[in-house]
Amino acid sequence: MKSKERFSNLKAMSADQLSDELLNLKKEQFNLRFQRATGQLENTGRVREVRRDIARVKTLQRQKAAAAKA
């Protein structure tokens, strides 16, 4: 259920907001990878969540671009 709520929240965002969200998620992903490499990562499931959120944002960006083009 949580991912469906996240997806609906992302759907309501504009293209600029999606770009900002993607940037924030990529920064978080980098920090999580760094924590894992140094052995400081406590919530290992968050890596998977962030990766999937990045995919959701990219999917929505492509959909909005295609809709604007059509």
PDB file of N, CA and C in Angstrom:
ATOM      1  N   MET A   1       0.808  -1.195   0.000  1.00  0.00           N
ATOM      2  CA  MET A   1       0.000   0.000   0.000  1.00  0.00           C
ATOM      3  C   MET A   1       0.854   1.264   0.000  1.00  0.00           C
ATOM      4  N   LYS A   2       1.946   1.209   0.661  1.00  0.00           N
ATOM      5  CA  LYS A   2       2.779   2.389   0.786  1.00  0.00           C
ATOM      6  C   LYS A   2       3.279   2.873  -0.579  1.00  0.00           C
ATOM      7  N   SER A   3       3.614   1.946  -1.467  1.00  0.00           N
ATOM      8  CA  SER A   3       4.128   2.338  -2.775  1.00  0.00           C
ATOM      9  C   SER A   3       3.032   2.970  -3.623  1.00  0.00           C
ATOM     10  N   LYS A   4       1.793   2.510  -3.468  1.00  0.00           N
ATOM     11  CA  LYS A   4       0.685   3.106  -4.217  1.00  0.00           C
ATOM     12  C   LYS A   4       0.451   4.542  -3.761  1.00  0.00           C
ATOM     13  N   GLU A   5       0.550   4.784  -2.469  1.00  0.00           N
ATOM     14  CA  GLU A   5       0.395   6.136  -1.950  1.00  0.00           C
ATOM     15  C   GLU A   5       1.531   7.018  -2.461  1.00  0.00           C
ATOM     16  N   ARG A   6       2.724   6.489  -2.461  1.00  0.00           N
ATOM     17  CA  ARG A   6       3.890   7.231  -2.938  1.00  0.00           C
ATOM     18  C   ARG A   6       3.727   7.581  -4.415  1.00  0.00           C
ATOM     19  N   PHE A   7       3.229   6.624  -5.205  1.00  0.00           N
ATOM     20  CA  PHE A   7       3.042   6.838  -6.629  1.00  0.00           C
ATOM     21  C   PHE A   7       1.990   7.914  -6.883  1.00  0.00           C
ATOM     22  N   SER A   8       0.907   7.897  -6.115  1.00  0.00           N
ATOM     23  CA  SER A   8      -0.136   8.907  -6.314  1.00  0.00           C
ATOM     24  C   SER A   8       0.370  10.294  -5.917  1.00  0.00           C
ATOM     25  N   ASN A   9       1.213  10.364  -4.898  1.00  0.00           N
ATOM     26  CA  ASN A   9       1.809  11.652  -4.523  1.00  0.00           C
ATOM     27  C   ASN A   9       2.728  12.157  -5.622  1.00  0.00           C
ATOM     28  N   LEU A  10       3.491  11.267  -6.213  1.00  0.00           N
ATOM     29  CA  LEU A  10       4.398  11.657  -7.292  1.00  0.00           C
ATOM     30  C   LEU A  10       3.630  12.079  -8.535  1.00  0.00           C
ATOM     31  N   LYS A  11       2.500  11.426  -8.791  1.00  0.00           N
ATOM     32  CA  LYS A  11       1.693  11.752  -9.960  1.00  0.00           C
ATOM     33  C   LYS A  11       1.189  13.196  -9.926  1.00  0.00           C
ATOM     34  N   ALA A  12       0.951  13.704  -8.732  1.00  0.00           N
ATOM     35  CA  ALA A  12       0.416  15.059  -8.571  1.00  0.00           C
ATOM     36  C   ALA A  12       1.490  16.132  -8.770  1.00  0.00           C
ATOM     37  N   MET A  13       2.744  15.745  -8.829  1.00  0.00           N
ATOM     38  CA  MET A  13       3.837  16.713  -8.955  1.00  0.00           C
ATOM     39  C   MET A  13       4.006  17.192 -10.397  1.00  0.00           C
ATOM     40  N   SER A  14       4.534  18.404 -10.521  1.00  0.00           N
ATOM     41  CA  SER A  14       4.839  18.941 -11.851  1.00  0.00           C
ATOM     42  C   SER A  14       6.185  18.379 -12.322  1.00  0.00           C
ATOM     43  N   ALA A  15       6.538  18.702 -13.558  1.00  0.00           N
ATOM     44  CA  ALA A  15       7.797  18.205 -14.119  1.00  0.00           C
ATOM     45  C   ALA A  15       8.999  18.732 -13.335  1.00  0.00           C
ATOM     46  N   ASP A  16       8.953  19.992 -12.935  1.00  0.00           N
ATOM     47  CA  ASP A  16      10.062  20.563 -12.159  1.00  0.00           C
ATOM     48  C   ASP A  16      10.181  19.908 -10.791  1.00  0.00           C
ATOM     49  N   GLN A  17       9.042  19.662 -10.169  1.00  0.00           N
ATOM     50  CA  GLN A  17       9.057  19.006  -8.862  1.00  0.00           C
ATOM     51  C   GLN A  17       9.591  17.579  -8.978  1.00  0.00           C
ATOM     52  N   LEU A  18       9.248  16.899 -10.064  1.00  0.00           N
ATOM     53  CA  LEU A  18       9.760  15.543 -10.273  1.00  0.00           C
ATOM     54  C   LEU A  18      11.274  15.559 -10.454  1.00  0.00           C
ATOM     55  N   SER A  19      11.787  16.562 -11.156  1.00  0.00           N
ATOM     56  CA  SER A  19      13.239  16.675 -11.333  1.00  0.00           C
ATOM     57  C   SER A  19      13.931  16.890  -9.996  1.00  0.00           C
ATOM     58  N   ASP A  20      13.344  17.752  -9.161  1.00  0.00           N
ATOM     59  CA  ASP A  20      13.911  17.996  -7.832  1.00  0.00           C
ATOM     60  C   ASP A  20      13.870  16.732  -6.984  1.00  0.00           C
ATOM     61  N   GLU A  21      12.755  16.018  -7.056  1.00  0.00           N
ATOM     62  CA  GLU A  21      12.610  14.783  -6.288  1.00  0.00           C
ATOM     63  C   GLU A  21      13.634  13.743  -6.748  1.00  0.00           C
ATOM     64  N   LEU A  22      13.851  13.661  -8.053  1.00  0.00           N
ATOM     65  CA  LEU A  22      14.838  12.719  -8.585  1.00  0.00           C
ATOM     66  C   LEU A  22      16.234  13.062  -8.074  1.00  0.00           C
ATOM     67  N   LEU A  23      16.556  14.338  -8.058  1.00  0.00           N
ATOM     68  CA  LEU A  23      17.860  14.773  -7.553  1.00  0.00           C
ATOM     69  C   LEU A  23      18.026  14.399  -6.082  1.00  0.00           C
ATOM     70  N   ASN A  24      16.986  14.636  -5.286  1.00  0.00           N
ATOM     71  CA  ASN A  24      17.045  14.286  -3.861  1.00  0.00           C
ATOM     72  C   ASN A  24      17.200  12.784  -3.655  1.00  0.00           C
ATOM     73  N   LEU A  25      16.482  12.003  -4.453  1.00  0.00           N
ATOM     74  CA  LEU A  25      16.576  10.547  -4.324  1.00  0.00           C
ATOM     75  C   LEU A  25      17.959  10.046  -4.721  1.00  0.00           C
ATOM     76  N   LYS A  26      18.541  10.625  -5.752  1.00  0.00           N
ATOM     77  CA  LYS A  26      19.883  10.204  -6.166  1.00  0.00           C
ATOM     78  C   LYS A  26      20.913  10.548  -5.094  1.00  0.00           C
ATOM     79  N   LYS A  27      20.751  11.701  -4.444  1.00  0.00           N
ATOM     80  CA  LYS A  27      21.652  12.064  -3.339  1.00  0.00           C
ATOM     81  C   LYS A  27      21.510  11.080  -2.188  1.00  0.00           C
ATOM     82  N   GLU A  28      20.259  10.732  -1.883  1.00  0.00           N
ATOM     83  CA  GLU A  28      20.029   9.774  -0.799  1.00  0.00           C
ATOM     84  C   GLU A  28      20.613   8.417  -1.155  1.00  0.00           C
ATOM     85  N   GLN A  29      20.466   8.010  -2.408  1.00  0.00           N
ATOM     86  CA  GLN A  29      21.023   6.734  -2.844  1.00  0.00           C
ATOM     87  C   GLN A  29      22.543   6.732  -2.688  1.00  0.00           C
ATOM     88  N   PHE A  30      23.180   7.827  -3.058  1.00  0.00           N
ATOM     89  CA  PHE A  30      24.628   7.924  -2.907  1.00  0.00           C
ATOM     90  C   PHE A  30      25.021   7.799  -1.443  1.00  0.00           C
ATOM     91  N   ASN A  31      24.308   8.509  -0.575  1.00  0.00           N
ATOM     92  CA  ASN A  31      24.617   8.451   0.859  1.00  0.00           C
ATOM     93  C   ASN A  31      24.414   7.049   1.420  1.00  0.00           C
ATOM     94  N   LEU A  32      23.359   6.371   0.966  1.00  0.00           N
ATOM     95  CA  LEU A  32      23.116   5.010   1.439  1.00  0.00           C
ATOM     96  C   LEU A  32      24.208   4.054   0.963  1.00  0.00           C
ATOM     97  N   ARG A  33      24.646   4.213  -0.276  1.00  0.00           N
ATOM     98  CA  ARG A  33      25.735   3.360  -0.780  1.00  0.00           C
ATOM     99  C   ARG A  33      27.005   3.608   0.013  1.00  0.00           C
ATOM    100  N   PHE A  34      27.262   4.863   0.340  1.00  0.00           N
ATOM    101  CA  PHE A  34      28.459   5.213   1.104  1.00  0.00           C
ATOM    102  C   PHE A  34      28.384   4.601   2.500  1.00  0.00           C
ATOM    103  N   GLN A  35      27.204   4.687   3.123  1.00  0.00           N
ATOM    104  CA  GLN A  35      27.031   4.096   4.458  1.00  0.00           C
ATOM    105  C   GLN A  35      27.212   2.585   4.415  1.00  0.00           C
ATOM    106  N   ARG A  36      26.708   1.947   3.362  1.00  0.00           N
ATOM    107  CA  ARG A  36      26.858   0.489   3.253  1.00  0.00           C
ATOM    108  C   ARG A  36      28.319   0.107   3.101  1.00  0.00           C
ATOM    109  N   ALA A  37      29.066   0.893   2.324  1.00  0.00           N
ATOM    110  CA  ALA A  37      30.480   0.597   2.101  1.00  0.00           C
ATOM    111  C   ALA A  37      31.295   0.744   3.386  1.00  0.00           C
ATOM    112  N   THR A  38      30.893   1.680   4.235  1.00  0.00           N
ATOM    113  CA  THR A  38      31.634   1.895   5.476  1.00  0.00           C
ATOM    114  C   THR A  38      31.083   1.081   6.639  1.00  0.00           C
ATOM    115  N   GLY A  39      30.021   0.317   6.383  1.00  0.00           N
ATOM    116  CA  GLY A  39      29.468  -0.534   7.433  1.00  0.00           C
ATOM    117  C   GLY A  39      28.578   0.194   8.419  1.00  0.00           C
ATOM    118  N   GLN A  40      28.074   1.368   8.051  1.00  0.00           N
ATOM    119  CA  GLN A  40      27.239   2.153   8.967  1.00  0.00           C
ATOM    120  C   GLN A  40      25.757   2.081   8.631  1.00  0.00           C
ATOM    121  N   LEU A  41      25.391   1.356   7.599  1.00  0.00           N
ATOM    122  CA  LEU A  41      24.001   1.295   7.159  1.00  0.00           C
ATOM    123  C   LEU A  41      23.195   0.417   8.102  1.00  0.00           C
ATOM    124  N   GLU A  42      22.130   0.978   8.672  1.00  0.00           N
ATOM    125  CA  GLU A  42      21.293   0.239   9.602  1.00  0.00           C
ATOM    126  C   GLU A  42      20.044  -0.307   8.914  1.00  0.00           C
ATOM    127  N   ASN A  43      19.410   0.503   8.065  1.00  0.00           N
ATOM    128  CA  ASN A  43      18.175   0.093   7.394  1.00  0.00           C
ATOM    129  C   ASN A  43      18.514  -0.313   5.963  1.00  0.00           C
ATOM    130  N   THR A  44      18.808  -1.583   5.772  1.00  0.00           N
ATOM    131  CA  THR A  44      19.236  -2.044   4.453  1.00  0.00           C
ATOM    132  C   THR A  44      18.086  -2.038   3.443  1.00  0.00           C
ATOM    133  N   GLY A  45      16.863  -2.121   3.898  1.00  0.00           N
ATOM    134  CA  GLY A  45      15.713  -2.101   3.010  1.00  0.00           C
ATOM    135  C   GLY A  45      15.489  -0.763   2.347  1.00  0.00           C
ATOM    136  N   ARG A  46      16.029   0.283   2.936  1.00  0.00           N
ATOM    137  CA  ARG A  46      15.854   1.624   2.376  1.00  0.00           C
ATOM    138  C   ARG A  46      16.543   1.752   1.017  1.00  0.00           C
ATOM    139  N   VAL A  47      17.625   1.008   0.803  1.00  0.00           N
ATOM    140  CA  VAL A  47      18.333   1.042  -0.483  1.00  0.00           C
ATOM    141  C   VAL A  47      17.382   0.609  -1.593  1.00  0.00           C
ATOM    142  N   ARG A  48      16.652  -0.447  -1.354  1.00  0.00           N
ATOM    143  CA  ARG A  48      15.703  -0.967  -2.342  1.00  0.00           C
ATOM    144  C   ARG A  48      14.558   0.024  -2.583  1.00  0.00           C
ATOM    145  N   GLU A  49      14.037   0.623  -1.498  1.00  0.00           N
ATOM    146  CA  GLU A  49      12.946   1.585  -1.618  1.00  0.00           C
ATOM    147  C   GLU A  49      13.361   2.788  -2.458  1.00  0.00           C
ATOM    148  N   VAL A  50      14.550   3.300  -2.208  1.00  0.00           N
ATOM    149  CA  VAL A  50      15.032   4.473  -2.938  1.00  0.00           C
ATOM    150  C   VAL A  50      15.220   4.130  -4.410  1.00  0.00           C
ATOM    151  N   ARG A  51      15.778   2.966  -4.687  1.00  0.00           N
ATOM    152  CA  ARG A  51      15.980   2.554  -6.074  1.00  0.00           C
ATOM    153  C   ARG A  51      14.648   2.472  -6.820  1.00  0.00           C
ATOM    154  N   ARG A  52      13.647   1.947  -6.169  1.00  0.00           N
ATOM    155  CA  ARG A  52      12.329   1.831  -6.800  1.00  0.00           C
ATOM    156  C   ARG A  52      11.650   3.191  -6.931  1.00  0.00           C
ATOM    157  N   ASP A  53      11.851   4.067  -5.959  1.00  0.00           N
ATOM    158  CA  ASP A  53      11.299   5.423  -6.067  1.00  0.00           C
ATOM    159  C   ASP A  53      11.923   6.168  -7.237  1.00  0.00           C
ATOM    160  N   ILE A  54      13.208   5.967  -7.460  1.00  0.00           N
ATOM    161  CA  ILE A  54      13.881   6.590  -8.604  1.00  0.00           C
ATOM    162  C   ILE A  54      13.242   6.089  -9.895  1.00  0.00           C
ATOM    163  N   ALA A  55      12.969   4.803  -9.977  1.00  0.00           N
ATOM    164  CA  ALA A  55      12.335   4.243 -11.165  1.00  0.00           C
ATOM    165  C   ALA A  55      10.933   4.814 -11.354  1.00  0.00           C
ATOM    166  N   ARG A  56      10.197   5.002 -10.262  1.00  0.00           N
ATOM    167  CA  ARG A  56       8.855   5.583 -10.355  1.00  0.00           C
ATOM    168  C   ARG A  56       8.912   7.004 -10.901  1.00  0.00           C
ATOM    169  N   VAL A  57       9.843   7.794 -10.406  1.00  0.00           N
ATOM    170  CA  VAL A  57       9.962   9.182 -10.846  1.00  0.00           C
ATOM    171  C   VAL A  57      10.334   9.236 -12.325  1.00  0.00           C
ATOM    172  N   LYS A  58      11.289   8.403 -12.725  1.00  0.00           N
ATOM    173  CA  LYS A  58      11.694   8.394 -14.132  1.00  0.00           C
ATOM    174  C   LYS A  58      10.547   7.961 -15.037  1.00  0.00           C
ATOM    175  N   THR A  59       9.757   6.987 -14.594  1.00  0.00           N
ATOM    176  CA  THR A  59       8.607   6.535 -15.369  1.00  0.00           C
ATOM    177  C   THR A  59       7.604   7.667 -15.544  1.00  0.00           C
ATOM    178  N   LEU A  60       7.308   8.377 -14.467  1.00  0.00           N
ATOM    179  CA  LEU A  60       6.366   9.485 -14.557  1.00  0.00           C
ATOM    180  C   LEU A  60       6.892  10.605 -15.445  1.00  0.00           C
ATOM    181  N   GLN A  61       8.194  10.863 -15.385  1.00  0.00           N
ATOM    182  CA  GLN A  61       8.769  11.889 -16.247  1.00  0.00           C
ATOM    183  C   GLN A  61       8.592  11.515 -17.714  1.00  0.00           C
ATOM    184  N   ARG A  62       8.837  10.255 -18.050  1.00  0.00           N
ATOM    185  CA  ARG A  62       8.656   9.800 -19.437  1.00  0.00           C
ATOM    186  C   ARG A  62       7.203   9.892 -19.863  1.00  0.00           C
ATOM    187  N   GLN A  63       6.295   9.513 -18.972  1.00  0.00           N
ATOM    188  CA  GLN A  63       4.865   9.564 -19.297  1.00  0.00           C
ATOM    189  C   GLN A  63       4.402  10.996 -19.539  1.00  0.00           C
ATOM    190  N   LYS A  64       4.853  11.917 -18.698  1.00  0.00           N
ATOM    191  CA  LYS A  64       4.454  13.313 -18.848  1.00  0.00           C
ATOM    192  C   LYS A  64       5.050  13.917 -20.106  1.00  0.00           C
ATOM    193  N   ALA A  65       6.276  13.530 -20.437  1.00  0.00           N
ATOM    194  CA  ALA A  65       6.899  14.036 -21.650  1.00  0.00           C
ATOM    195  C   ALA A  65       6.171  13.513 -22.883  1.00  0.00           C
ATOM    196  N   ALA A  66       5.773  12.266 -22.863  1.00  0.00           N
ATOM    197  CA  ALA A  66       5.038  11.684 -23.984  1.00  0.00           C
ATOM    198  C   ALA A  66       3.658  12.319 -24.127  1.00  0.00           C
ATOM    199  N   ALA A  67       3.017  12.602 -23.005  1.00  0.00           N
ATOM    200  CA  ALA A  67       1.692  13.218 -23.043  1.00  0.00           C
ATOM    201  C   ALA A  67       1.787  14.656 -23.587  1.00  0.00           C
ATOM    202  N   ALA A  68       2.845  15.357 -23.209  1.00  0.00           N
ATOM    203  CA  ALA A  68       3.016  16.733 -23.680  1.00  0.00           C
ATOM    204  C   ALA A  68       3.340  16.748 -25.170  1.00  0.00           C
ATOM    205  N   LYS A  69       4.046  15.733 -25.631  1.00  0.00           N
ATOM    206  CA  LYS A  69       4.419  15.651 -27.046  1.00  0.00           C
ATOM    207  C   LYS A  69       3.217  15.311 -27.922  1.00  0.00           C
ATOM    208  N   ALA A  70       2.322  14.501 -27.379  1.00  0.00           N
ATOM    209  CA  ALA A  70       1.152  14.062 -28.161  1.00  0.00           C
ATOM    210  C   ALA A  70       0.042  15.081 -28.220  1.00  0.00           C
TER     211      ALA A  70
END
